[in-house]
Amino acid sequence: MQTFLQDLRYAARNLRQSPAFTAVAVLTLALGIGANSAIFSVVNGVVLKPLEYEEPDRLMFITSTFPGLGFDEFWVSPPEYVVLQERAAAFASMGAYNVGEVSITGGDTPIRVPAGNASASFFDTLGVPAYRGRTFTNEEDLPGGPPAAILSSAYIP
């Protein structure tokens, strides 16, 4: 223990004698630790932490492909989704969604917010219940059905 304390005092003395080196060393350590923390946070959230769905290993993301046009992954159109839903017997459940932005009006200035459309079966397929209220009904999923909206907890008017 005595040797360790002597080494520590010697290091502190040397760092005091060269403040420029000390500043560069501390800055380098701070940047390295910060970068590692940021990268680990991303890797943990995306790769290591399991998805917060009932059975994430059973979920699939289906896309169309158009190799002749250079599209390896292309969105599935609503008519394709209806055909897949009717004919794909290998899936226990199927839901669809798309994302974009909409303008919320009613105040002095319209607000642009992220939004999405989802089929009535989307939340059931993911096994995610509504935090409050309810999810969509099958009647609301039909063309000309009654309009309905689900607000996320991130939306604060």
N, C-alpha and C. Protein backbone atom coordinates (compact mmCIF):
# COMPACT_ATOMS: atom_id res chain seq x y z
N MET A 1 0.83 -1.19 0.00
CA MET A 1 0.00 0.00 0.00
C MET A 1 0.88 1.25 0.00
N GLN A 2 2.00 1.18 0.72
CA GLN A 2 2.91 2.32 0.81
C GLN A 2 3.47 2.66 -0.57
N THR A 3 3.81 1.65 -1.36
CA THR A 3 4.36 1.87 -2.70
C THR A 3 3.32 2.54 -3.60
N PHE A 4 2.09 2.09 -3.48
CA PHE A 4 1.01 2.68 -4.29
C PHE A 4 0.85 4.16 -3.97
N LEU A 5 0.86 4.53 -2.69
CA LEU A 5 0.73 5.94 -2.30
C LEU A 5 1.90 6.77 -2.81
N GLN A 6 3.12 6.21 -2.78
CA GLN A 6 4.28 6.92 -3.32
C GLN A 6 4.12 7.15 -4.82
N ASP A 7 3.66 6.13 -5.54
CA ASP A 7 3.45 6.25 -6.99
C ASP A 7 2.38 7.30 -7.28
N LEU A 8 1.33 7.33 -6.49
CA LEU A 8 0.26 8.30 -6.67
C LEU A 8 0.77 9.72 -6.45
N ARG A 9 1.56 9.95 -5.41
CA ARG A 9 2.13 11.28 -5.15
C ARG A 9 3.08 11.69 -6.27
N TYR A 10 3.87 10.75 -6.77
CA TYR A 10 4.81 11.03 -7.85
C TYR A 10 4.04 11.44 -9.12
N ALA A 11 2.97 10.72 -9.43
CA ALA A 11 2.16 11.04 -10.61
C ALA A 11 1.51 12.41 -10.46
N ALA A 12 0.98 12.72 -9.29
CA ALA A 12 0.35 14.03 -9.06
C ALA A 12 1.37 15.15 -9.20
N ARG A 13 2.60 14.95 -8.70
CA ARG A 13 3.65 15.95 -8.82
C ARG A 13 4.00 16.21 -10.29
N ASN A 14 4.13 15.14 -11.06
CA ASN A 14 4.45 15.28 -12.49
C ASN A 14 3.32 15.96 -13.25
N LEU A 15 2.08 15.65 -12.92
CA LEU A 15 0.95 16.28 -13.60
C LEU A 15 0.87 17.77 -13.27
N ARG A 16 1.21 18.15 -12.03
CA ARG A 16 1.22 19.58 -11.65
C ARG A 16 2.31 20.34 -12.38
N GLN A 17 3.43 19.70 -12.67
CA GLN A 17 4.55 20.37 -13.32
C GLN A 17 4.28 20.65 -14.80
N SER A 18 3.39 19.89 -15.44
CA SER A 18 3.10 20.13 -16.86
C SER A 18 1.58 20.23 -17.04
N PRO A 19 1.02 21.44 -16.83
CA PRO A 19 -0.44 21.61 -16.91
C PRO A 19 -0.99 21.39 -18.31
N ALA A 20 -0.24 21.67 -19.37
CA ALA A 20 -0.75 21.45 -20.73
C ALA A 20 -0.95 19.95 -20.97
N PHE A 21 0.02 19.15 -20.60
CA PHE A 21 -0.11 17.69 -20.75
C PHE A 21 -1.28 17.17 -19.92
N THR A 22 -1.42 17.70 -18.70
CA THR A 22 -2.50 17.27 -17.82
C THR A 22 -3.86 17.58 -18.45
N ALA A 23 -3.98 18.80 -19.02
CA ALA A 23 -5.25 19.19 -19.64
C ALA A 23 -5.57 18.29 -20.83
N VAL A 24 -4.57 18.00 -21.67
CA VAL A 24 -4.79 17.13 -22.83
C VAL A 24 -5.15 15.72 -22.37
N ALA A 25 -4.49 15.21 -21.35
CA ALA A 25 -4.77 13.86 -20.85
C ALA A 25 -6.19 13.78 -20.29
N VAL A 26 -6.58 14.77 -19.49
CA VAL A 26 -7.93 14.77 -18.91
C VAL A 26 -8.98 14.90 -20.01
N LEU A 27 -8.75 15.77 -20.99
CA LEU A 27 -9.69 15.95 -22.10
C LEU A 27 -9.81 14.65 -22.91
N THR A 28 -8.69 14.01 -23.17
CA THR A 28 -8.71 12.75 -23.91
C THR A 28 -9.50 11.68 -23.15
N LEU A 29 -9.27 11.58 -21.86
CA LEU A 29 -10.02 10.62 -21.05
C LEU A 29 -11.51 10.94 -21.05
N ALA A 30 -11.85 12.22 -20.92
CA ALA A 30 -13.27 12.62 -20.90
C ALA A 30 -13.95 12.28 -22.23
N LEU A 31 -13.27 12.59 -23.34
CA LEU A 31 -13.86 12.27 -24.65
C LEU A 31 -14.01 10.76 -24.84
N GLY A 32 -13.00 10.00 -24.42
CA GLY A 32 -13.07 8.55 -24.56
C GLY A 32 -14.18 7.94 -23.73
N ILE A 33 -14.31 8.39 -22.50
CA ILE A 33 -15.37 7.87 -21.63
C ILE A 33 -16.75 8.28 -22.16
N GLY A 34 -16.87 9.51 -22.62
CA GLY A 34 -18.15 9.98 -23.18
C GLY A 34 -18.54 9.22 -24.43
N ALA A 35 -17.57 9.00 -25.33
CA ALA A 35 -17.86 8.26 -26.56
C ALA A 35 -18.25 6.82 -26.25
N ASN A 36 -17.53 6.19 -25.33
CA ASN A 36 -17.89 4.81 -24.95
C ASN A 36 -19.27 4.73 -24.34
N SER A 37 -19.61 5.70 -23.49
CA SER A 37 -20.95 5.71 -22.88
C SER A 37 -22.03 5.87 -23.94
N ALA A 38 -21.81 6.78 -24.89
CA ALA A 38 -22.80 7.01 -25.95
C ALA A 38 -22.97 5.77 -26.82
N ILE A 39 -21.86 5.17 -27.22
CA ILE A 39 -21.93 3.98 -28.07
C ILE A 39 -22.60 2.83 -27.33
N PHE A 40 -22.26 2.63 -26.06
CA PHE A 40 -22.89 1.56 -25.30
C PHE A 40 -24.39 1.80 -25.16
N SER A 41 -24.80 3.05 -24.95
CA SER A 41 -26.23 3.34 -24.82
C SER A 41 -26.97 2.96 -26.08
N VAL A 42 -26.40 3.28 -27.24
CA VAL A 42 -27.05 2.93 -28.51
C VAL A 42 -27.08 1.41 -28.69
N VAL A 43 -25.94 0.75 -28.48
CA VAL A 43 -25.88 -0.70 -28.65
C VAL A 43 -26.81 -1.40 -27.67
N ASN A 44 -26.85 -0.93 -26.44
CA ASN A 44 -27.74 -1.53 -25.44
C ASN A 44 -29.20 -1.38 -25.85
N GLY A 45 -29.58 -0.18 -26.30
CA GLY A 45 -30.97 0.05 -26.66
C GLY A 45 -31.40 -0.65 -27.94
N VAL A 46 -30.47 -0.81 -28.89
CA VAL A 46 -30.82 -1.37 -30.19
C VAL A 46 -30.54 -2.87 -30.28
N VAL A 47 -29.44 -3.32 -29.73
CA VAL A 47 -29.02 -4.70 -29.92
C VAL A 47 -29.24 -5.58 -28.69
N LEU A 48 -28.80 -5.13 -27.54
CA LEU A 48 -28.80 -5.99 -26.35
C LEU A 48 -30.15 -6.06 -25.64
N LYS A 49 -30.81 -4.94 -25.51
CA LYS A 49 -32.08 -4.90 -24.79
C LYS A 49 -33.19 -5.50 -25.66
N PRO A 50 -33.93 -6.47 -25.17
CA PRO A 50 -34.98 -7.06 -25.99
C PRO A 50 -36.12 -6.07 -26.23
N LEU A 51 -36.79 -6.25 -27.35
CA LEU A 51 -37.94 -5.41 -27.67
C LEU A 51 -39.01 -5.60 -26.60
N GLU A 52 -39.77 -4.56 -26.34
CA GLU A 52 -40.77 -4.61 -25.28
C GLU A 52 -42.12 -5.11 -25.81
N TYR A 53 -42.06 -6.23 -26.51
CA TYR A 53 -43.27 -6.87 -27.02
C TYR A 53 -43.36 -8.25 -26.38
N GLU A 54 -44.54 -8.85 -26.45
CA GLU A 54 -44.75 -10.14 -25.79
C GLU A 54 -43.79 -11.21 -26.28
N GLU A 55 -43.69 -11.40 -27.58
CA GLU A 55 -42.80 -12.41 -28.15
C GLU A 55 -42.03 -11.80 -29.32
N PRO A 56 -41.01 -10.99 -29.04
CA PRO A 56 -40.32 -10.28 -30.12
C PRO A 56 -39.63 -11.20 -31.12
N ASP A 57 -39.25 -12.40 -30.71
CA ASP A 57 -38.59 -13.32 -31.63
C ASP A 57 -39.56 -13.89 -32.66
N ARG A 58 -40.85 -13.71 -32.49
CA ARG A 58 -41.85 -14.21 -33.44
C ARG A 58 -42.36 -13.12 -34.38
N LEU A 59 -41.86 -11.89 -34.24
CA LEU A 59 -42.30 -10.80 -35.10
C LEU A 59 -41.50 -10.78 -36.40
N MET A 60 -42.18 -10.41 -37.48
CA MET A 60 -41.53 -10.27 -38.78
C MET A 60 -41.91 -8.94 -39.39
N PHE A 61 -41.01 -8.39 -40.18
CA PHE A 61 -41.27 -7.16 -40.92
C PHE A 61 -41.27 -7.53 -42.39
N ILE A 62 -42.39 -7.35 -43.05
CA ILE A 62 -42.55 -7.80 -44.44
C ILE A 62 -42.45 -6.59 -45.37
N THR A 63 -41.67 -6.74 -46.43
CA THR A 63 -41.55 -5.69 -47.45
C THR A 63 -41.71 -6.32 -48.83
N SER A 64 -41.94 -5.48 -49.81
CA SER A 64 -41.95 -5.91 -51.21
C SER A 64 -40.55 -5.69 -51.78
N THR A 65 -40.23 -6.37 -52.86
CA THR A 65 -38.97 -6.14 -53.56
C THR A 65 -39.24 -5.92 -55.04
N PHE A 66 -38.47 -5.02 -55.63
CA PHE A 66 -38.52 -4.75 -57.06
C PHE A 66 -37.08 -4.71 -57.56
N PRO A 67 -36.45 -5.89 -57.75
CA PRO A 67 -35.04 -5.92 -58.12
C PRO A 67 -34.75 -5.19 -59.43
N GLY A 68 -35.67 -5.25 -60.38
CA GLY A 68 -35.47 -4.57 -61.66
C GLY A 68 -35.38 -3.06 -61.52
N LEU A 69 -36.02 -2.52 -60.49
CA LEU A 69 -35.99 -1.07 -60.25
C LEU A 69 -34.96 -0.69 -59.20
N GLY A 70 -34.28 -1.68 -58.63
CA GLY A 70 -33.26 -1.40 -57.63
C GLY A 70 -33.80 -1.24 -56.22
N PHE A 71 -35.02 -1.72 -55.95
CA PHE A 71 -35.60 -1.63 -54.61
C PHE A 71 -35.53 -2.99 -53.93
N ASP A 72 -34.63 -3.13 -52.95
CA ASP A 72 -34.54 -4.38 -52.21
C ASP A 72 -35.60 -4.46 -51.12
N GLU A 73 -35.94 -3.32 -50.53
CA GLU A 73 -37.00 -3.26 -49.52
C GLU A 73 -37.92 -2.10 -49.88
N PHE A 74 -39.16 -2.41 -50.15
CA PHE A 74 -40.14 -1.40 -50.54
C PHE A 74 -41.40 -1.64 -49.73
N TRP A 75 -42.10 -0.57 -49.39
CA TRP A 75 -43.29 -0.70 -48.56
C TRP A 75 -44.36 -1.55 -49.25
N VAL A 76 -45.17 -2.18 -48.44
CA VAL A 76 -46.27 -3.01 -48.93
C VAL A 76 -47.49 -2.10 -49.06
N SER A 77 -48.10 -2.10 -50.24
CA SER A 77 -49.27 -1.24 -50.48
C SER A 77 -50.49 -1.80 -49.74
N PRO A 78 -51.49 -0.95 -49.49
CA PRO A 78 -52.71 -1.45 -48.82
C PRO A 78 -53.37 -2.64 -49.52
N PRO A 79 -53.49 -2.64 -50.87
CA PRO A 79 -54.06 -3.84 -51.50
C PRO A 79 -53.20 -5.09 -51.29
N GLU A 80 -51.87 -4.93 -51.33
CA GLU A 80 -50.99 -6.08 -51.07
C GLU A 80 -51.18 -6.59 -49.64
N TYR A 81 -51.33 -5.66 -48.69
CA TYR A 81 -51.54 -6.04 -47.29
C TYR A 81 -52.82 -6.85 -47.14
N VAL A 82 -53.90 -6.41 -47.79
CA VAL A 82 -55.18 -7.13 -47.70
C VAL A 82 -55.03 -8.54 -48.26
N VAL A 83 -54.33 -8.69 -49.39
CA VAL A 83 -54.12 -10.01 -49.98
C VAL A 83 -53.26 -10.87 -49.06
N LEU A 84 -52.18 -10.29 -48.51
CA LEU A 84 -51.34 -11.04 -47.57
C LEU A 84 -52.14 -11.49 -46.36
N GLN A 85 -52.97 -10.61 -45.84
CA GLN A 85 -53.76 -10.93 -44.65
C GLN A 85 -54.74 -12.07 -44.93
N GLU A 86 -55.30 -12.08 -46.14
CA GLU A 86 -56.27 -13.13 -46.49
C GLU A 86 -55.59 -14.47 -46.78
N ARG A 87 -54.41 -14.43 -47.40
CA ARG A 87 -53.80 -15.67 -47.91
C ARG A 87 -52.66 -16.23 -47.07
N ALA A 88 -52.04 -15.44 -46.24
CA ALA A 88 -50.87 -15.91 -45.49
C ALA A 88 -51.31 -16.68 -44.26
N ALA A 89 -51.37 -18.00 -44.40
CA ALA A 89 -51.84 -18.84 -43.29
C ALA A 89 -50.75 -19.10 -42.26
N ALA A 90 -49.50 -18.76 -42.57
CA ALA A 90 -48.40 -19.05 -41.66
C ALA A 90 -48.31 -18.06 -40.50
N PHE A 91 -49.05 -16.97 -40.58
CA PHE A 91 -48.98 -15.94 -39.55
C PHE A 91 -50.19 -16.01 -38.64
N ALA A 92 -49.96 -15.92 -37.34
CA ALA A 92 -51.06 -15.93 -36.38
C ALA A 92 -51.84 -14.63 -36.45
N SER A 93 -51.15 -13.53 -36.73
CA SER A 93 -51.78 -12.22 -36.80
C SER A 93 -50.92 -11.33 -37.67
N MET A 94 -51.53 -10.31 -38.25
CA MET A 94 -50.80 -9.41 -39.12
C MET A 94 -51.34 -7.99 -38.93
N GLY A 95 -50.44 -7.04 -38.85
CA GLY A 95 -50.83 -5.64 -38.73
C GLY A 95 -49.99 -4.80 -39.66
N ALA A 96 -50.47 -3.62 -40.00
CA ALA A 96 -49.76 -2.73 -40.91
C ALA A 96 -49.71 -1.33 -40.32
N TYR A 97 -48.67 -0.59 -40.74
CA TYR A 97 -48.55 0.80 -40.31
C TYR A 97 -47.72 1.57 -41.33
N ASN A 98 -47.84 2.88 -41.31
CA ASN A 98 -46.92 3.75 -42.02
C ASN A 98 -46.75 5.01 -41.20
N VAL A 99 -45.69 5.73 -41.42
CA VAL A 99 -45.39 6.91 -40.63
C VAL A 99 -45.20 8.13 -41.52
N GLY A 100 -45.38 9.29 -40.94
CA GLY A 100 -45.20 10.55 -41.64
C GLY A 100 -45.37 11.69 -40.65
N GLU A 101 -45.82 12.82 -41.16
CA GLU A 101 -46.07 13.98 -40.31
C GLU A 101 -47.42 14.59 -40.68
N VAL A 102 -48.06 15.21 -39.70
CA VAL A 102 -49.32 15.91 -39.93
C VAL A 102 -49.26 17.25 -39.21
N SER A 103 -50.16 18.14 -39.60
CA SER A 103 -50.26 19.44 -38.94
C SER A 103 -51.46 19.42 -38.01
N ILE A 104 -51.25 19.87 -36.78
CA ILE A 104 -52.34 20.02 -35.81
C ILE A 104 -52.73 21.49 -35.81
N THR A 105 -53.99 21.74 -36.08
CA THR A 105 -54.47 23.12 -36.10
C THR A 105 -55.49 23.32 -34.99
N GLY A 106 -55.94 24.54 -34.85
CA GLY A 106 -56.94 24.85 -33.83
C GLY A 106 -56.47 25.96 -32.94
N GLY A 107 -55.18 26.22 -32.91
CA GLY A 107 -54.63 27.32 -32.12
C GLY A 107 -54.23 28.45 -33.05
N ASP A 108 -53.37 29.30 -32.56
CA ASP A 108 -52.89 30.42 -33.37
C ASP A 108 -51.99 29.94 -34.51
N THR A 109 -51.14 28.97 -34.21
CA THR A 109 -50.17 28.49 -35.19
C THR A 109 -50.28 26.98 -35.31
N PRO A 110 -50.33 26.45 -36.55
CA PRO A 110 -50.34 24.99 -36.71
C PRO A 110 -49.04 24.39 -36.19
N ILE A 111 -49.13 23.17 -35.66
CA ILE A 111 -47.97 22.46 -35.13
C ILE A 111 -47.75 21.23 -36.00
N ARG A 112 -46.52 21.01 -36.44
CA ARG A 112 -46.17 19.82 -37.23
C ARG A 112 -45.68 18.74 -36.27
N VAL A 113 -46.32 17.56 -36.31
CA VAL A 113 -45.98 16.47 -35.39
C VAL A 113 -45.82 15.16 -36.17
N PRO A 114 -44.99 14.25 -35.65
CA PRO A 114 -44.91 12.92 -36.27
C PRO A 114 -46.22 12.18 -36.09
N ALA A 115 -46.62 11.42 -37.10
CA ALA A 115 -47.89 10.69 -37.03
C ALA A 115 -47.75 9.39 -37.80
N GLY A 116 -48.73 8.54 -37.65
CA GLY A 116 -48.75 7.28 -38.39
C GLY A 116 -50.15 6.77 -38.55
N ASN A 117 -50.31 5.86 -39.47
CA ASN A 117 -51.57 5.15 -39.66
C ASN A 117 -51.31 3.70 -39.30
N ALA A 118 -52.27 3.06 -38.66
CA ALA A 118 -52.11 1.66 -38.28
C ALA A 118 -53.42 0.92 -38.50
N SER A 119 -53.31 -0.34 -38.82
CA SER A 119 -54.50 -1.17 -38.97
C SER A 119 -55.04 -1.51 -37.58
N ALA A 120 -56.29 -1.95 -37.54
CA ALA A 120 -56.92 -2.28 -36.26
C ALA A 120 -56.19 -3.42 -35.56
N SER A 121 -55.58 -4.31 -36.31
CA SER A 121 -54.90 -5.47 -35.73
C SER A 121 -53.46 -5.18 -35.32
N PHE A 122 -52.96 -4.00 -35.59
CA PHE A 122 -51.55 -3.66 -35.34
C PHE A 122 -51.16 -3.85 -33.88
N PHE A 123 -51.91 -3.27 -32.97
CA PHE A 123 -51.57 -3.34 -31.55
C PHE A 123 -51.73 -4.75 -30.99
N ASP A 124 -52.76 -5.47 -31.45
CA ASP A 124 -52.95 -6.86 -31.01
C ASP A 124 -51.81 -7.75 -31.51
N THR A 125 -51.35 -7.50 -32.73
CA THR A 125 -50.25 -8.28 -33.29
C THR A 125 -48.98 -8.09 -32.47
N LEU A 126 -48.72 -6.86 -32.05
CA LEU A 126 -47.54 -6.59 -31.23
C LEU A 126 -47.74 -7.01 -29.78
N GLY A 127 -49.00 -7.24 -29.39
CA GLY A 127 -49.28 -7.59 -28.00
C GLY A 127 -49.15 -6.39 -27.08
N VAL A 128 -49.45 -5.20 -27.59
CA VAL A 128 -49.31 -3.96 -26.83
C VAL A 128 -50.70 -3.39 -26.55
N PRO A 129 -51.11 -3.31 -25.30
CA PRO A 129 -52.41 -2.71 -24.99
C PRO A 129 -52.30 -1.19 -24.95
N ALA A 130 -53.43 -0.53 -25.01
CA ALA A 130 -53.46 0.92 -24.86
C ALA A 130 -53.18 1.27 -23.40
N TYR A 131 -52.38 2.28 -23.18
CA TYR A 131 -52.09 2.71 -21.81
C TYR A 131 -53.35 3.24 -21.15
N ARG A 132 -54.10 4.04 -21.92
CA ARG A 132 -55.40 4.54 -21.50
C ARG A 132 -56.35 4.42 -22.68
N GLY A 133 -57.59 4.27 -22.42
CA GLY A 133 -58.56 4.20 -23.51
C GLY A 133 -58.51 2.85 -24.21
N ARG A 134 -58.56 2.89 -25.55
CA ARG A 134 -58.63 1.65 -26.31
C ARG A 134 -57.84 1.80 -27.60
N THR A 135 -57.63 0.69 -28.28
CA THR A 135 -57.01 0.72 -29.60
C THR A 135 -58.14 0.76 -30.64
N PHE A 136 -57.79 0.61 -31.91
CA PHE A 136 -58.78 0.72 -32.98
C PHE A 136 -59.69 -0.51 -33.02
N THR A 137 -60.90 -0.30 -33.52
CA THR A 137 -61.85 -1.40 -33.71
C THR A 137 -61.84 -1.81 -35.18
N ASN A 138 -62.38 -2.99 -35.48
CA ASN A 138 -62.44 -3.46 -36.87
C ASN A 138 -63.32 -2.56 -37.72
N GLU A 139 -64.37 -1.97 -37.14
CA GLU A 139 -65.24 -1.08 -37.89
C GLU A 139 -64.49 0.18 -38.35
N GLU A 140 -63.58 0.66 -37.52
CA GLU A 140 -62.80 1.85 -37.86
C GLU A 140 -61.76 1.55 -38.94
N ASP A 141 -61.47 0.27 -39.15
CA ASP A 141 -60.49 -0.15 -40.15
C ASP A 141 -61.09 -0.23 -41.55
N LEU A 142 -62.39 -0.28 -41.64
CA LEU A 142 -63.05 -0.42 -42.94
C LEU A 142 -63.06 0.91 -43.70
N PRO A 143 -63.05 0.86 -45.04
CA PRO A 143 -63.17 2.11 -45.81
C PRO A 143 -64.48 2.82 -45.46
N GLY A 144 -64.39 4.10 -45.19
CA GLY A 144 -65.56 4.89 -44.81
C GLY A 144 -65.97 4.70 -43.37
N GLY A 145 -65.18 3.98 -42.59
CA GLY A 145 -65.50 3.75 -41.17
C GLY A 145 -65.34 5.03 -40.37
N PRO A 146 -65.82 5.02 -39.13
CA PRO A 146 -65.73 6.23 -38.30
C PRO A 146 -64.26 6.59 -38.02
N PRO A 147 -63.95 7.88 -38.02
CA PRO A 147 -62.56 8.28 -37.75
C PRO A 147 -62.19 8.06 -36.29
N ALA A 148 -60.94 7.71 -36.05
CA ALA A 148 -60.46 7.49 -34.69
C ALA A 148 -58.97 7.84 -34.65
N ALA A 149 -58.50 8.22 -33.50
CA ALA A 149 -57.08 8.56 -33.32
C ALA A 149 -56.59 8.03 -31.99
N ILE A 150 -55.32 7.68 -31.94
CA ILE A 150 -54.66 7.29 -30.70
C ILE A 150 -53.51 8.27 -30.51
N LEU A 151 -53.48 8.90 -29.36
CA LEU A 151 -52.40 9.86 -29.07
C LEU A 151 -51.31 9.18 -28.26
N SER A 152 -50.07 9.48 -28.59
CA SER A 152 -48.96 8.90 -27.85
C SER A 152 -48.72 9.73 -26.60
N SER A 153 -48.02 9.16 -25.63
CA SER A 153 -47.71 9.91 -24.42
C SER A 153 -46.72 11.02 -24.71
N ALA A 154 -46.04 10.97 -25.86
CA ALA A 154 -45.08 12.02 -26.23
C ALA A 154 -45.80 13.27 -26.73
N TYR A 155 -47.08 13.16 -27.11
CA TYR A 155 -47.81 14.32 -27.63
C TYR A 155 -48.35 15.13 -26.47
N ILE A 156 -47.85 16.33 -26.34
CA ILE A 156 -48.34 17.26 -25.31
C ILE A 156 -48.70 18.55 -26.04
N PRO A 157 -49.98 18.86 -26.16
CA PRO A 157 -50.38 20.07 -26.90
C PRO A 157 -49.93 21.35 -26.23
